[in-house]
Amino acid sequence: MTSKVAEEALGYEQARDELIEVVRRLEAGGTTLEESLALWERGEELAKVCRRWLDGARARLDAALAEEDETGAGDDSE
């Protein structure tokens, strides 16, 4: 499969698009058991990459909102 470095270099959109293709191929059938297992394993890796990106985005959003709350608390002047 892929190395950890190559996996981590994938952007969210790249990982998502490849995951969509993996799912499409699995749903279409016509692959051997070995190919299906390899696709499944790749799909699991890609799903983890996507989850890490989404978790990171959530953390950044939460941090930005917390910072906004701290600096904007009590400041209702416009």
N, C-alpha and C. Protein backbone atom coordinates (compact mmCIF):
# COMPACT_ATOMS: atom_id res chain seq x y z
N MET A 1 0.84 -1.19 0.00
CA MET A 1 0.00 0.00 0.00
C MET A 1 0.88 1.25 0.00
N THR A 2 0.40 2.32 0.62
CA THR A 2 1.15 3.56 0.61
C THR A 2 1.93 3.72 1.90
N SER A 3 2.97 4.51 1.82
CA SER A 3 3.72 4.80 3.03
C SER A 3 2.96 5.84 3.84
N LYS A 4 3.31 5.93 5.12
CA LYS A 4 2.65 6.89 6.01
C LYS A 4 2.90 8.32 5.53
N VAL A 5 4.11 8.59 5.02
CA VAL A 5 4.44 9.93 4.55
C VAL A 5 3.56 10.30 3.37
N ALA A 6 3.41 9.39 2.41
CA ALA A 6 2.57 9.66 1.24
C ALA A 6 1.12 9.83 1.65
N GLU A 7 0.67 9.02 2.60
CA GLU A 7 -0.71 9.11 3.08
C GLU A 7 -0.97 10.46 3.73
N GLU A 8 -0.01 10.93 4.53
CA GLU A 8 -0.17 12.20 5.22
C GLU A 8 -0.08 13.38 4.27
N ALA A 9 0.54 13.19 3.10
CA ALA A 9 0.68 14.27 2.12
C ALA A 9 -0.62 14.50 1.36
N LEU A 10 -1.55 13.55 1.43
CA LEU A 10 -2.82 13.71 0.74
C LEU A 10 -3.63 14.83 1.36
N GLY A 11 -4.17 15.67 0.51
CA GLY A 11 -5.10 16.68 0.99
C GLY A 11 -6.46 16.04 1.21
N TYR A 12 -7.34 16.76 1.88
CA TYR A 12 -8.66 16.23 2.16
C TYR A 12 -9.40 15.87 0.87
N GLU A 13 -9.41 16.78 -0.09
CA GLU A 13 -10.15 16.55 -1.33
C GLU A 13 -9.59 15.37 -2.11
N GLN A 14 -8.26 15.23 -2.11
CA GLN A 14 -7.64 14.10 -2.80
C GLN A 14 -8.06 12.79 -2.15
N ALA A 15 -7.98 12.74 -0.83
CA ALA A 15 -8.35 11.52 -0.11
C ALA A 15 -9.83 11.20 -0.30
N ARG A 16 -10.67 12.23 -0.22
CA ARG A 16 -12.11 12.04 -0.40
C ARG A 16 -12.42 11.51 -1.80
N ASP A 17 -11.81 12.10 -2.81
CA ASP A 17 -12.07 11.68 -4.18
C ASP A 17 -11.61 10.24 -4.42
N GLU A 18 -10.44 9.90 -3.88
CA GLU A 18 -9.96 8.52 -4.04
C GLU A 18 -10.87 7.55 -3.28
N LEU A 19 -11.33 7.96 -2.11
CA LEU A 19 -12.25 7.12 -1.34
C LEU A 19 -13.55 6.90 -2.10
N ILE A 20 -14.05 7.91 -2.74
CA ILE A 20 -15.27 7.77 -3.56
C ILE A 20 -15.04 6.74 -4.66
N GLU A 21 -13.87 6.80 -5.29
CA GLU A 21 -13.54 5.85 -6.36
C GLU A 21 -13.43 4.43 -5.82
N VAL A 22 -12.83 4.27 -4.64
CA VAL A 22 -12.71 2.95 -4.02
C VAL A 22 -14.10 2.38 -3.76
N VAL A 23 -14.97 3.18 -3.19
CA VAL A 23 -16.34 2.73 -2.90
C VAL A 23 -17.06 2.36 -4.19
N ARG A 24 -16.90 3.18 -5.22
CA ARG A 24 -17.54 2.89 -6.51
C ARG A 24 -17.08 1.54 -7.06
N ARG A 25 -15.77 1.30 -6.98
CA ARG A 25 -15.23 0.03 -7.49
C ARG A 25 -15.73 -1.16 -6.68
N LEU A 26 -15.81 -0.99 -5.36
CA LEU A 26 -16.31 -2.08 -4.52
C LEU A 26 -17.78 -2.36 -4.79
N GLU A 27 -18.56 -1.30 -4.95
CA GLU A 27 -19.99 -1.48 -5.22
C GLU A 27 -20.24 -2.08 -6.59
N ALA A 28 -19.37 -1.78 -7.55
CA ALA A 28 -19.54 -2.30 -8.90
C ALA A 28 -19.28 -3.80 -8.97
N GLY A 29 -18.47 -4.29 -8.03
CA GLY A 29 -18.15 -5.72 -8.03
C GLY A 29 -17.20 -6.08 -9.15
N GLY A 30 -17.12 -7.37 -9.43
CA GLY A 30 -16.27 -7.83 -10.51
C GLY A 30 -14.80 -7.92 -10.16
N THR A 31 -14.46 -7.73 -8.90
CA THR A 31 -13.06 -7.85 -8.50
C THR A 31 -12.88 -9.15 -7.73
N THR A 32 -11.65 -9.60 -7.71
CA THR A 32 -11.35 -10.83 -6.95
C THR A 32 -11.43 -10.51 -5.46
N LEU A 33 -11.45 -11.53 -4.67
CA LEU A 33 -11.46 -11.35 -3.22
C LEU A 33 -10.22 -10.57 -2.78
N GLU A 34 -9.08 -10.93 -3.33
CA GLU A 34 -7.83 -10.25 -2.97
C GLU A 34 -7.90 -8.77 -3.34
N GLU A 35 -8.39 -8.46 -4.54
CA GLU A 35 -8.53 -7.06 -4.96
C GLU A 35 -9.52 -6.32 -4.08
N SER A 36 -10.62 -6.98 -3.75
CA SER A 36 -11.63 -6.35 -2.89
C SER A 36 -11.06 -6.03 -1.51
N LEU A 37 -10.29 -6.96 -0.95
CA LEU A 37 -9.68 -6.72 0.35
C LEU A 37 -8.68 -5.56 0.29
N ALA A 38 -7.91 -5.51 -0.78
CA ALA A 38 -6.94 -4.42 -0.94
C ALA A 38 -7.68 -3.08 -1.07
N LEU A 39 -8.77 -3.07 -1.82
CA LEU A 39 -9.56 -1.85 -1.95
C LEU A 39 -10.15 -1.44 -0.60
N TRP A 40 -10.66 -2.41 0.14
CA TRP A 40 -11.24 -2.13 1.45
C TRP A 40 -10.19 -1.52 2.38
N GLU A 41 -9.00 -2.11 2.40
CA GLU A 41 -7.93 -1.60 3.25
C GLU A 41 -7.55 -0.18 2.84
N ARG A 42 -7.48 0.08 1.56
CA ARG A 42 -7.16 1.43 1.08
C ARG A 42 -8.27 2.40 1.49
N GLY A 43 -9.49 1.95 1.37
CA GLY A 43 -10.61 2.78 1.79
C GLY A 43 -10.54 3.15 3.26
N GLU A 44 -10.15 2.18 4.09
CA GLU A 44 -10.01 2.45 5.52
C GLU A 44 -8.92 3.49 5.77
N GLU A 45 -7.79 3.36 5.05
CA GLU A 45 -6.71 4.34 5.19
C GLU A 45 -7.17 5.73 4.78
N LEU A 46 -7.88 5.80 3.66
CA LEU A 46 -8.36 7.08 3.16
C LEU A 46 -9.38 7.70 4.10
N ALA A 47 -10.24 6.88 4.68
CA ALA A 47 -11.22 7.38 5.63
C ALA A 47 -10.52 7.98 6.85
N LYS A 48 -9.43 7.36 7.29
CA LYS A 48 -8.66 7.89 8.42
C LYS A 48 -8.04 9.24 8.07
N VAL A 49 -7.52 9.35 6.85
CA VAL A 49 -6.94 10.62 6.40
C VAL A 49 -8.01 11.70 6.43
N CYS A 50 -9.18 11.39 5.88
CA CYS A 50 -10.28 12.35 5.87
C CYS A 50 -10.68 12.74 7.29
N ARG A 51 -10.77 11.76 8.16
CA ARG A 51 -11.16 12.02 9.55
C ARG A 51 -10.15 12.94 10.23
N ARG A 52 -8.84 12.71 9.98
CA ARG A 52 -7.82 13.58 10.58
C ARG A 52 -7.97 15.01 10.08
N TRP A 53 -8.21 15.18 8.79
CA TRP A 53 -8.42 16.52 8.24
C TRP A 53 -9.63 17.19 8.86
N LEU A 54 -10.72 16.45 8.96
CA LEU A 54 -11.95 17.02 9.52
C LEU A 54 -11.79 17.33 11.01
N ASP A 55 -11.13 16.45 11.74
CA ASP A 55 -10.88 16.70 13.16
C ASP A 55 -10.01 17.95 13.34
N GLY A 56 -9.00 18.08 12.48
CA GLY A 56 -8.13 19.27 12.53
C GLY A 56 -8.89 20.54 12.21
N ALA A 57 -9.76 20.46 11.23
CA ALA A 57 -10.56 21.63 10.87
C ALA A 57 -11.51 22.00 12.01
N ARG A 58 -12.10 20.99 12.64
CA ARG A 58 -13.00 21.23 13.78
C ARG A 58 -12.24 21.89 14.93
N ALA A 59 -11.04 21.40 15.20
CA ALA A 59 -10.23 21.98 16.29
C ALA A 59 -9.88 23.43 15.99
N ARG A 60 -9.53 23.72 14.75
CA ARG A 60 -9.20 25.10 14.37
C ARG A 60 -10.41 26.00 14.49
N LEU A 61 -11.57 25.50 14.07
CA LEU A 61 -12.81 26.27 14.17
C LEU A 61 -13.16 26.53 15.63
N ASP A 62 -13.07 25.49 16.45
CA ASP A 62 -13.36 25.64 17.87
C ASP A 62 -12.42 26.64 18.52
N ALA A 63 -11.13 26.58 18.17
CA ALA A 63 -10.15 27.51 18.73
C ALA A 63 -10.46 28.94 18.30
N ALA A 64 -10.82 29.12 17.04
CA ALA A 64 -11.15 30.47 16.55
C ALA A 64 -12.40 31.01 17.24
N LEU A 65 -13.40 30.15 17.43
CA LEU A 65 -14.61 30.59 18.11
C LEU A 65 -14.34 30.92 19.58
N ALA A 66 -13.50 30.12 20.22
CA ALA A 66 -13.16 30.38 21.62
C ALA A 66 -12.40 31.69 21.74
N GLU A 67 -11.49 31.93 20.82
CA GLU A 67 -10.73 33.18 20.83
C GLU A 67 -11.65 34.37 20.60
N GLU A 68 -12.59 34.21 19.70
CA GLU A 68 -13.55 35.28 19.42
C GLU A 68 -14.40 35.57 20.65
N ASP A 69 -14.81 34.52 21.35
CA ASP A 69 -15.60 34.68 22.57
C ASP A 69 -14.80 35.42 23.64
N GLU A 70 -13.50 35.09 23.75
CA GLU A 70 -12.65 35.73 24.76
C GLU A 70 -12.43 37.19 24.45
N THR A 71 -12.16 37.52 23.20
CA THR A 71 -11.87 38.91 22.84
C THR A 71 -13.14 39.73 22.65
N GLY A 72 -14.23 39.07 22.32
CA GLY A 72 -15.47 39.80 22.05
C GLY A 72 -16.42 39.85 23.23
N ALA A 73 -16.10 39.17 24.32
CA ALA A 73 -17.00 39.14 25.48
C ALA A 73 -17.14 40.54 26.07
N GLY A 74 -18.38 40.99 26.17
CA GLY A 74 -18.65 42.28 26.76
C GLY A 74 -18.43 43.44 25.82
N ASP A 75 -18.03 43.17 24.59
CA ASP A 75 -17.78 44.24 23.62
C ASP A 75 -18.92 44.26 22.61
N ASP A 76 -20.00 44.91 22.94
CA ASP A 76 -21.17 44.95 22.05
C ASP A 76 -21.23 46.25 21.27
N SER A 77 -20.19 47.06 21.32
CA SER A 77 -20.22 48.32 20.60
C SER A 77 -19.96 48.10 19.13
N GLU A 78 -20.74 48.79 18.31
CA GLU A 78 -20.56 48.67 16.84
C GLU A 78 -20.54 50.02 16.22
